[in-house]
Amino acid sequence: MTNDQPQFKIIIFGKPGCDKCAVLEKRVDSLLTQKKWRDFSKVKFDLESEDGLVEFCSLECLNPQRVPAFVI
């Protein structure tokens, strides 16, 4: 992996129209503009989609009653 490619992923799980989800995503976006976070990238999953639910369930460590959620 080269130095200009992020090493880590912040995976966000949320739903469309969720105000708390939008706040979390905005905060992560703000962090990722800072140089000290250059090793991180963001991936977003919609919990109202099949792909989002499969990814969420495969982690087996997130509380489904707590949305939005994220893992690194």
N, C-alpha and C. Protein backbone atom coordinates (compact mmCIF):
# COMPACT_ATOMS: atom_id res chain seq x y z
N MET A 1 0.83 -1.18 0.00
CA MET A 1 0.00 0.00 0.00
C MET A 1 0.88 1.24 0.00
N THR A 2 0.57 2.20 -0.85
CA THR A 2 1.36 3.41 -0.91
C THR A 2 0.95 4.37 0.19
N ASN A 3 1.79 5.38 0.44
CA ASN A 3 1.53 6.33 1.51
C ASN A 3 0.30 7.19 1.28
N ASP A 4 -0.12 7.37 0.03
CA ASP A 4 -1.26 8.25 -0.24
C ASP A 4 -2.59 7.51 -0.21
N GLN A 5 -2.60 6.21 0.03
CA GLN A 5 -3.84 5.46 0.13
C GLN A 5 -4.18 5.24 1.60
N PRO A 6 -5.44 5.48 1.99
CA PRO A 6 -5.84 5.26 3.38
C PRO A 6 -5.66 3.81 3.78
N GLN A 7 -5.17 3.61 4.98
CA GLN A 7 -4.93 2.28 5.53
C GLN A 7 -6.15 1.74 6.25
N PHE A 8 -6.95 2.64 6.82
CA PHE A 8 -8.07 2.24 7.66
C PHE A 8 -9.38 2.76 7.07
N LYS A 9 -10.47 2.04 7.37
CA LYS A 9 -11.79 2.46 6.91
C LYS A 9 -12.68 2.73 8.11
N ILE A 10 -13.39 3.82 8.07
CA ILE A 10 -14.44 4.10 9.02
C ILE A 10 -15.73 3.69 8.32
N ILE A 11 -16.36 2.65 8.81
CA ILE A 11 -17.57 2.13 8.18
C ILE A 11 -18.77 2.64 8.97
N ILE A 12 -19.61 3.41 8.29
CA ILE A 12 -20.77 4.02 8.92
C ILE A 12 -22.03 3.30 8.46
N PHE A 13 -22.91 3.01 9.41
CA PHE A 13 -24.20 2.41 9.13
C PHE A 13 -25.28 3.41 9.53
N GLY A 14 -26.16 3.70 8.59
CA GLY A 14 -27.23 4.65 8.87
C GLY A 14 -28.42 4.43 7.97
N LYS A 15 -29.38 5.34 8.08
CA LYS A 15 -30.60 5.26 7.28
C LYS A 15 -30.87 6.61 6.64
N PRO A 16 -31.48 6.60 5.46
CA PRO A 16 -31.86 7.87 4.82
C PRO A 16 -32.86 8.63 5.69
N GLY A 17 -32.70 9.93 5.75
CA GLY A 17 -33.62 10.76 6.51
C GLY A 17 -33.37 10.78 8.01
N CYS A 18 -32.35 10.10 8.47
CA CYS A 18 -32.02 10.05 9.90
C CYS A 18 -31.11 11.24 10.23
N ASP A 19 -31.61 12.15 11.09
CA ASP A 19 -30.83 13.34 11.45
C ASP A 19 -29.54 12.97 12.18
N LYS A 20 -29.60 12.00 13.08
CA LYS A 20 -28.40 11.59 13.82
C LYS A 20 -27.36 10.98 12.88
N CYS A 21 -27.84 10.25 11.88
CA CYS A 21 -26.94 9.66 10.89
C CYS A 21 -26.22 10.76 10.11
N ALA A 22 -26.96 11.79 9.74
CA ALA A 22 -26.38 12.91 8.99
C ALA A 22 -25.34 13.64 9.83
N VAL A 23 -25.60 13.80 11.13
CA VAL A 23 -24.64 14.48 12.02
C VAL A 23 -23.36 13.66 12.12
N LEU A 24 -23.48 12.36 12.31
CA LEU A 24 -22.30 11.49 12.40
C LEU A 24 -21.48 11.58 11.12
N GLU A 25 -22.15 11.48 9.99
CA GLU A 25 -21.42 11.53 8.72
C GLU A 25 -20.72 12.87 8.52
N LYS A 26 -21.38 13.95 8.90
CA LYS A 26 -20.78 15.28 8.78
C LYS A 26 -19.54 15.40 9.68
N ARG A 27 -19.63 14.86 10.88
CA ARG A 27 -18.48 14.91 11.80
C ARG A 27 -17.30 14.10 11.26
N VAL A 28 -17.59 12.92 10.74
CA VAL A 28 -16.52 12.10 10.16
C VAL A 28 -15.91 12.80 8.95
N ASP A 29 -16.75 13.36 8.08
CA ASP A 29 -16.24 14.10 6.92
C ASP A 29 -15.32 15.24 7.35
N SER A 30 -15.70 15.93 8.42
CA SER A 30 -14.89 17.03 8.93
C SER A 30 -13.53 16.52 9.42
N LEU A 31 -13.53 15.42 10.14
CA LEU A 31 -12.27 14.84 10.62
C LEU A 31 -11.36 14.44 9.46
N LEU A 32 -11.97 13.86 8.43
CA LEU A 32 -11.18 13.33 7.32
C LEU A 32 -10.53 14.42 6.47
N THR A 33 -10.90 15.68 6.68
CA THR A 33 -10.23 16.77 5.98
C THR A 33 -8.91 17.14 6.66
N GLN A 34 -8.71 16.67 7.88
CA GLN A 34 -7.51 17.00 8.63
C GLN A 34 -6.37 16.03 8.29
N LYS A 35 -5.19 16.58 8.22
CA LYS A 35 -4.01 15.80 7.83
C LYS A 35 -3.77 14.60 8.73
N LYS A 36 -4.03 14.75 10.03
CA LYS A 36 -3.74 13.65 10.95
C LYS A 36 -4.67 12.45 10.74
N TRP A 37 -5.73 12.61 9.98
CA TRP A 37 -6.66 11.52 9.68
C TRP A 37 -6.48 10.99 8.26
N ARG A 38 -5.37 11.30 7.61
CA ARG A 38 -5.18 10.92 6.21
C ARG A 38 -5.10 9.41 5.99
N ASP A 39 -4.86 8.64 7.05
CA ASP A 39 -4.80 7.18 6.93
C ASP A 39 -6.19 6.53 6.97
N PHE A 40 -7.24 7.35 7.06
CA PHE A 40 -8.60 6.84 7.18
C PHE A 40 -9.44 7.26 5.97
N SER A 41 -10.34 6.37 5.57
CA SER A 41 -11.33 6.69 4.56
C SER A 41 -12.70 6.31 5.11
N LYS A 42 -13.74 6.78 4.46
CA LYS A 42 -15.11 6.52 4.93
C LYS A 42 -15.85 5.63 3.94
N VAL A 43 -16.57 4.66 4.50
CA VAL A 43 -17.47 3.82 3.72
C VAL A 43 -18.82 3.90 4.41
N LYS A 44 -19.89 4.09 3.64
CA LYS A 44 -21.22 4.25 4.22
C LYS A 44 -22.13 3.14 3.73
N PHE A 45 -22.91 2.56 4.66
CA PHE A 45 -23.89 1.55 4.31
C PHE A 45 -25.27 2.00 4.76
N ASP A 46 -26.24 1.82 3.90
CA ASP A 46 -27.64 2.13 4.16
C ASP A 46 -28.29 0.90 4.77
N LEU A 47 -28.79 1.05 6.00
CA LEU A 47 -29.41 -0.09 6.68
C LEU A 47 -30.77 -0.46 6.11
N GLU A 48 -31.26 0.34 5.19
CA GLU A 48 -32.52 -0.01 4.54
C GLU A 48 -32.29 -0.76 3.23
N SER A 49 -31.03 -1.09 2.97
CA SER A 49 -30.70 -1.88 1.77
C SER A 49 -30.24 -3.27 2.20
N GLU A 50 -30.36 -4.21 1.29
CA GLU A 50 -29.92 -5.57 1.59
C GLU A 50 -28.42 -5.61 1.86
N ASP A 51 -27.64 -4.93 1.04
CA ASP A 51 -26.19 -4.92 1.23
C ASP A 51 -25.81 -4.33 2.59
N GLY A 52 -26.48 -3.24 2.96
CA GLY A 52 -26.21 -2.61 4.25
C GLY A 52 -26.52 -3.52 5.42
N LEU A 53 -27.66 -4.21 5.34
CA LEU A 53 -28.05 -5.12 6.41
C LEU A 53 -27.11 -6.32 6.51
N VAL A 54 -26.70 -6.85 5.39
CA VAL A 54 -25.78 -7.99 5.40
C VAL A 54 -24.45 -7.58 6.02
N GLU A 55 -23.93 -6.45 5.62
CA GLU A 55 -22.66 -5.97 6.18
C GLU A 55 -22.78 -5.73 7.68
N PHE A 56 -23.87 -5.09 8.09
CA PHE A 56 -24.12 -4.79 9.50
C PHE A 56 -24.18 -6.08 10.32
N CYS A 57 -24.94 -7.06 9.85
CA CYS A 57 -25.09 -8.32 10.57
C CYS A 57 -23.80 -9.13 10.60
N SER A 58 -23.00 -9.02 9.56
CA SER A 58 -21.76 -9.80 9.51
C SER A 58 -20.76 -9.36 10.57
N LEU A 59 -20.88 -8.15 11.07
CA LEU A 59 -19.96 -7.69 12.10
C LEU A 59 -20.24 -8.32 13.46
N GLU A 60 -21.51 -8.62 13.73
CA GLU A 60 -21.92 -9.29 14.96
C GLU A 60 -21.46 -8.58 16.23
N CYS A 61 -21.16 -7.31 16.16
CA CYS A 61 -20.69 -6.61 17.35
C CYS A 61 -21.41 -5.29 17.58
N LEU A 62 -22.32 -4.93 16.68
CA LEU A 62 -23.02 -3.66 16.82
C LEU A 62 -24.44 -3.89 17.32
N ASN A 63 -24.90 -3.02 18.17
CA ASN A 63 -26.25 -3.08 18.71
C ASN A 63 -27.21 -2.53 17.67
N PRO A 64 -28.12 -3.34 17.15
CA PRO A 64 -29.03 -2.85 16.11
C PRO A 64 -30.01 -1.80 16.61
N GLN A 65 -30.09 -1.60 17.92
CA GLN A 65 -30.95 -0.56 18.45
C GLN A 65 -30.23 0.78 18.52
N ARG A 66 -28.97 0.79 18.15
CA ARG A 66 -28.14 2.00 18.20
C ARG A 66 -27.74 2.42 16.79
N VAL A 67 -28.55 3.24 16.19
CA VAL A 67 -28.26 3.74 14.84
C VAL A 67 -28.23 5.25 14.91
N PRO A 68 -27.23 5.90 14.38
CA PRO A 68 -26.18 5.36 13.52
C PRO A 68 -25.13 4.61 14.33
N ALA A 69 -24.35 3.84 13.60
CA ALA A 69 -23.25 3.09 14.21
C ALA A 69 -22.05 3.17 13.28
N PHE A 70 -20.87 2.98 13.86
CA PHE A 70 -19.67 2.93 13.02
C PHE A 70 -18.63 2.02 13.64
N VAL A 71 -17.79 1.50 12.81
CA VAL A 71 -16.64 0.70 13.22
C VAL A 71 -15.44 1.14 12.42
N ILE A 72 -14.28 0.87 12.94
CA ILE A 72 -13.04 1.19 12.22
C ILE A 72 -12.31 -0.11 11.99
